[in-house]
PDB file of N, CA and C in Angstrom:
ATOM      1  N   UNK A   1       5.195  -6.315  -5.503  1.00  0.00           N
ATOM      2  CA  UNK A   1       4.000  -6.669  -4.787  1.00  0.00           C
ATOM      3  C   UNK A   1       4.378  -7.698  -3.717  1.00  0.00           C
ATOM      4  N   UNK A   2       3.769  -7.529  -2.549  1.00  0.00           N
ATOM      5  CA  UNK A   2       4.021  -8.461  -1.445  1.00  0.00           C
ATOM      6  C   UNK A   2       2.685  -8.991  -0.933  1.00  0.00           C
ATOM      7  N   UNK A   3       2.678 -10.236  -0.532  1.00  0.00           N
ATOM      8  CA  UNK A   3       1.466 -10.913  -0.093  1.00  0.00           C
ATOM      9  C   UNK A   3       1.445 -10.995   1.435  1.00  0.00           C
ATOM     10  N   UNK A   4       0.629 -10.153   2.066  1.00  0.00           N
ATOM     11  CA  UNK A   4       0.589 -10.137   3.527  1.00  0.00           C
ATOM     12  C   UNK A   4      -0.068 -11.379   4.113  1.00  0.00           C
ATOM     13  N   UNK A   5      -0.743 -12.156   3.284  1.00  0.00           N
ATOM     14  CA  UNK A   5      -1.366 -13.370   3.805  1.00  0.00           C
ATOM     15  C   UNK A   5      -0.351 -14.486   4.041  1.00  0.00           C
ATOM     16  N   UNK A   6       0.817 -14.373   3.415  1.00  0.00           N
ATOM     17  CA  UNK A   6       1.817 -15.435   3.591  1.00  0.00           C
ATOM     18  C   UNK A   6       3.206 -14.921   3.963  1.00  0.00           C
ATOM     19  N   UNK A   7       3.368 -13.603   4.085  1.00  0.00           N
ATOM     20  CA  UNK A   7       4.684 -13.011   4.351  1.00  0.00           C
ATOM     21  C   UNK A   7       4.591 -12.111   5.587  1.00  0.00           C
ATOM     22  N   UNK A   8       4.991 -12.663   6.742  1.00  0.00           N
ATOM     23  CA  UNK A   8       4.872 -11.908   7.984  1.00  0.00           C
ATOM     24  C   UNK A   8       5.716 -10.630   7.969  1.00  0.00           C
ATOM     25  N   UNK A   9       6.866 -10.634   7.309  1.00  0.00           N
ATOM     26  CA  UNK A   9       7.689  -9.418   7.241  1.00  0.00           C
ATOM     27  C   UNK A   9       6.958  -8.329   6.461  1.00  0.00           C
ATOM     28  N   UNK A  10       6.133  -8.709   5.498  1.00  0.00           N
ATOM     29  CA  UNK A  10       5.341  -7.727   4.757  1.00  0.00           C
ATOM     30  C   UNK A  10       4.294  -7.090   5.666  1.00  0.00           C
ATOM     31  N   UNK A  11       3.720  -7.879   6.559  1.00  0.00           N
ATOM     32  CA  UNK A  11       2.753  -7.344   7.520  1.00  0.00           C
ATOM     33  C   UNK A  11       3.431  -6.348   8.453  1.00  0.00           C
ATOM     34  N   UNK A  12       4.593  -6.716   8.972  1.00  0.00           N
ATOM     35  CA  UNK A  12       5.338  -5.809   9.869  1.00  0.00           C
ATOM     36  C   UNK A  12       5.665  -4.503   9.153  1.00  0.00           C
ATOM     37  N   UNK A  13       6.109  -4.573   7.904  1.00  0.00           N
ATOM     38  CA  UNK A  13       6.436  -3.364   7.145  1.00  0.00           C
ATOM     39  C   UNK A  13       5.188  -2.525   6.899  1.00  0.00           C
ATOM     40  N   UNK A  14       4.078  -3.166   6.567  1.00  0.00           N
ATOM     41  CA  UNK A  14       2.824  -2.463   6.315  1.00  0.00           C
ATOM     42  C   UNK A  14       2.435  -1.618   7.524  1.00  0.00           C
ATOM     43  N   UNK A  15       2.563  -2.205   8.708  1.00  0.00           N
ATOM     44  CA  UNK A  15       2.180  -1.500   9.927  1.00  0.00           C
ATOM     45  C   UNK A  15       3.231  -0.462  10.318  1.00  0.00           C
ATOM     46  N   UNK A  16       4.502  -0.853  10.332  1.00  0.00           N
ATOM     47  CA  UNK A  16       5.555   0.034  10.826  1.00  0.00           C
ATOM     48  C   UNK A  16       5.851   1.187   9.868  1.00  0.00           C
ATOM     49  N   UNK A  17       6.011   0.878   8.614  1.00  0.00           N
ATOM     50  CA  UNK A  17       6.451   1.890   7.653  1.00  0.00           C
ATOM     51  C   UNK A  17       5.301   2.736   7.114  1.00  0.00           C
ATOM     52  N   UNK A  18       4.152   2.099   6.892  1.00  0.00           N
ATOM     53  CA  UNK A  18       3.045   2.798   6.248  1.00  0.00           C
ATOM     54  C   UNK A  18       1.875   3.073   7.177  1.00  0.00           C
ATOM     55  N   UNK A  19       2.000   2.654   8.453  1.00  0.00           N
ATOM     56  CA  UNK A  19       0.963   2.891   9.451  1.00  0.00           C
ATOM     57  C   UNK A  19      -0.402   2.406   8.956  1.00  0.00           C
ATOM     58  N   UNK A  20      -0.407   1.241   8.333  1.00  0.00           N
ATOM     59  CA  UNK A  20      -1.629   0.692   7.760  1.00  0.00           C
ATOM     60  C   UNK A  20      -1.862  -0.715   8.274  1.00  0.00           C
ATOM     61  N   UNK A  21      -3.118  -1.019   8.518  1.00  0.00           N
ATOM     62  CA  UNK A  21      -3.524  -2.376   8.877  1.00  0.00           C
ATOM     63  C   UNK A  21      -4.573  -2.861   7.879  1.00  0.00           C
ATOM     64  N   UNK A  22      -4.620  -2.213   6.726  1.00  0.00           N
ATOM     65  CA  UNK A  22      -5.631  -2.515   5.714  1.00  0.00           C
ATOM     66  C   UNK A  22      -4.989  -2.912   4.402  1.00  0.00           C
ATOM     67  N   UNK A  23      -5.731  -3.683   3.633  1.00  0.00           N
ATOM     68  CA  UNK A  23      -5.330  -3.973   2.269  1.00  0.00           C
ATOM     69  C   UNK A  23      -6.481  -3.587   1.359  1.00  0.00           C
ATOM     70  N   UNK A  24      -6.196  -3.128   0.189  1.00  0.00           N
ATOM     71  CA  UNK A  24      -4.853  -2.912  -0.316  1.00  0.00           C
ATOM     72  C   UNK A  24      -4.235  -1.639   0.247  1.00  0.00           C
ATOM     73  N   UNK A  25      -2.948  -1.676   0.404  1.00  0.00           N
ATOM     74  CA  UNK A  25      -2.149  -0.485   0.659  1.00  0.00           C
ATOM     75  C   UNK A  25      -1.205  -0.396  -0.525  1.00  0.00           C
ATOM     76  N   UNK A  26      -1.360   0.651  -1.307  1.00  0.00           N
ATOM     77  CA  UNK A  26      -0.609   0.810  -2.549  1.00  0.00           C
ATOM     78  C   UNK A  26       0.387   1.938  -2.376  1.00  0.00           C
ATOM     79  N   UNK A  27       1.640   1.666  -2.697  1.00  0.00           N
ATOM     80  CA  UNK A  27       2.704   2.659  -2.577  1.00  0.00           C
ATOM     81  C   UNK A  27       3.230   2.958  -3.971  1.00  0.00           C
ATOM     82  N   UNK A  28       3.172   4.233  -4.337  1.00  0.00           N
ATOM     83  CA  UNK A  28       3.705   4.692  -5.619  1.00  0.00           C
ATOM     84  C   UNK A  28       4.692   5.806  -5.292  1.00  0.00           C
ATOM     85  N   UNK A  29       5.970   5.521  -5.454  1.00  0.00           N
ATOM     86  CA  UNK A  29       6.990   6.491  -5.059  1.00  0.00           C
ATOM     87  C   UNK A  29       6.907   6.710  -3.558  1.00  0.00           C
ATOM     88  N   UNK A  30       6.663   7.941  -3.157  1.00  0.00           N
ATOM     89  CA  UNK A  30       6.525   8.284  -1.738  1.00  0.00           C
ATOM     90  C   UNK A  30       5.070   8.383  -1.305  1.00  0.00           C
ATOM     91  N   UNK A  31       4.144   8.212  -2.234  1.00  0.00           N
ATOM     92  CA  UNK A  31       2.714   8.339  -1.933  1.00  0.00           C
ATOM     93  C   UNK A  31       2.146   6.995  -1.501  1.00  0.00           C
ATOM     94  N   UNK A  32       1.322   7.033  -0.458  1.00  0.00           N
ATOM     95  CA  UNK A  32       0.703   5.818   0.071  1.00  0.00           C
ATOM     96  C   UNK A  32      -0.811   5.975  -0.029  1.00  0.00           C
ATOM     97  N   UNK A  33      -1.456   4.985  -0.634  1.00  0.00           N
ATOM     98  CA  UNK A  33      -2.908   4.978  -0.734  1.00  0.00           C
ATOM     99  C   UNK A  33      -3.411   3.747   0.016  1.00  0.00           C
ATOM    100  N   UNK A  34      -4.209   3.986   1.047  1.00  0.00           N
ATOM    101  CA  UNK A  34      -4.784   2.895   1.827  1.00  0.00           C
ATOM    102  C   UNK A  34      -6.229   2.726   1.359  1.00  0.00           C
ATOM    103  N   UNK A  35      -6.554   1.512   0.944  1.00  0.00           N
ATOM    104  CA  UNK A  35      -7.854   1.259   0.337  1.00  0.00           C
ATOM    105  C   UNK A  35      -7.725   1.425  -1.168  1.00  0.00           C
ATOM    106  N   UNK A  36      -8.816   1.265  -1.875  1.00  0.00           N
ATOM    107  CA  UNK A  36      -8.765   1.347  -3.329  1.00  0.00           C
ATOM    108  C   UNK A  36      -9.611   2.501  -3.823  1.00  0.00           C
ATOM    109  N   UNK A  37      -8.976   3.418  -4.507  1.00  0.00           N
ATOM    110  CA  UNK A  37      -9.629   4.569  -5.119  1.00  0.00           C
ATOM    111  C   UNK A  37      -9.090   4.659  -6.538  1.00  0.00           C
ATOM    112  N   UNK A  38      -9.840   4.161  -7.535  1.00  0.00           N
ATOM    113  CA  UNK A  38      -9.320   4.093  -8.896  1.00  0.00           C
ATOM    114  C   UNK A  38      -8.874   5.443  -9.452  1.00  0.00           C
ATOM    115  N   UNK A  39      -9.593   6.502  -9.135  1.00  0.00           N
ATOM    116  CA  UNK A  39      -9.223   7.831  -9.643  1.00  0.00           C
ATOM    117  C   UNK A  39      -7.902   8.291  -9.039  1.00  0.00           C
ATOM    118  N   UNK A  40      -7.742   8.118  -7.749  1.00  0.00           N
ATOM    119  CA  UNK A  40      -6.489   8.526  -7.106  1.00  0.00           C
ATOM    120  C   UNK A  40      -5.327   7.670  -7.599  1.00  0.00           C
ATOM    121  N   UNK A  41      -5.547   6.374  -7.774  1.00  0.00           N
ATOM    122  CA  UNK A  41      -4.499   5.500  -8.279  1.00  0.00           C
ATOM    123  C   UNK A  41      -4.045   5.958  -9.658  1.00  0.00           C
ATOM    124  N   UNK A  42      -4.974   6.302 -10.503  1.00  0.00           N
ATOM    125  CA  UNK A  42      -4.618   6.796 -11.838  1.00  0.00           C
ATOM    126  C   UNK A  42      -3.782   8.066 -11.726  1.00  0.00           C
ATOM    127  N   UNK A  43      -4.149   8.969 -10.825  1.00  0.00           N
ATOM    128  CA  UNK A  43      -3.376  10.202 -10.622  1.00  0.00           C
ATOM    129  C   UNK A  43      -1.974   9.887 -10.145  1.00  0.00           C
ATOM    130  N   UNK A  44      -1.848   8.958  -9.201  1.00  0.00           N
ATOM    131  CA  UNK A  44      -0.528   8.596  -8.684  1.00  0.00           C
ATOM    132  C   UNK A  44       0.354   8.004  -9.775  1.00  0.00           C
ATOM    133  N   UNK A  45      -0.235   7.196 -10.620  1.00  0.00           N
ATOM    134  CA  UNK A  45       0.539   6.538 -11.675  1.00  0.00           C
ATOM    135  C   UNK A  45       0.939   7.505 -12.781  1.00  0.00           C
ATOM    136  N   UNK A  46       0.189   8.577 -12.967  1.00  0.00           N
ATOM    137  CA  UNK A  46       0.512   9.567 -13.993  1.00  0.00           C
ATOM    138  C   UNK A  46       1.555  10.571 -13.540  1.00  0.00           C
ATOM    139  N   UNK A  47       1.729  10.694 -12.237  1.00  0.00           N
ATOM    140  CA  UNK A  47       2.668  11.697 -11.689  1.00  0.00           C
ATOM    141  C   UNK A  47       4.096  11.318 -11.938  1.00  0.00           C
TER     142      UNK A  47
END
C-alpha cells in the first residue's frame, strides 16, 4: 500500500502506470480497479 497524500512518487506512478487520478486505485495482479466496488474487489481477490 502506498500513501499518495505523502508520497509524490506514488502519485506519479498512479497517473503514469495506471492512468488514474482517483483514490482508491486498487491493483490486484494485473487488474486495476479505480474507485471502490466491493463485489468486484472480492472477485479480484478470489481469482
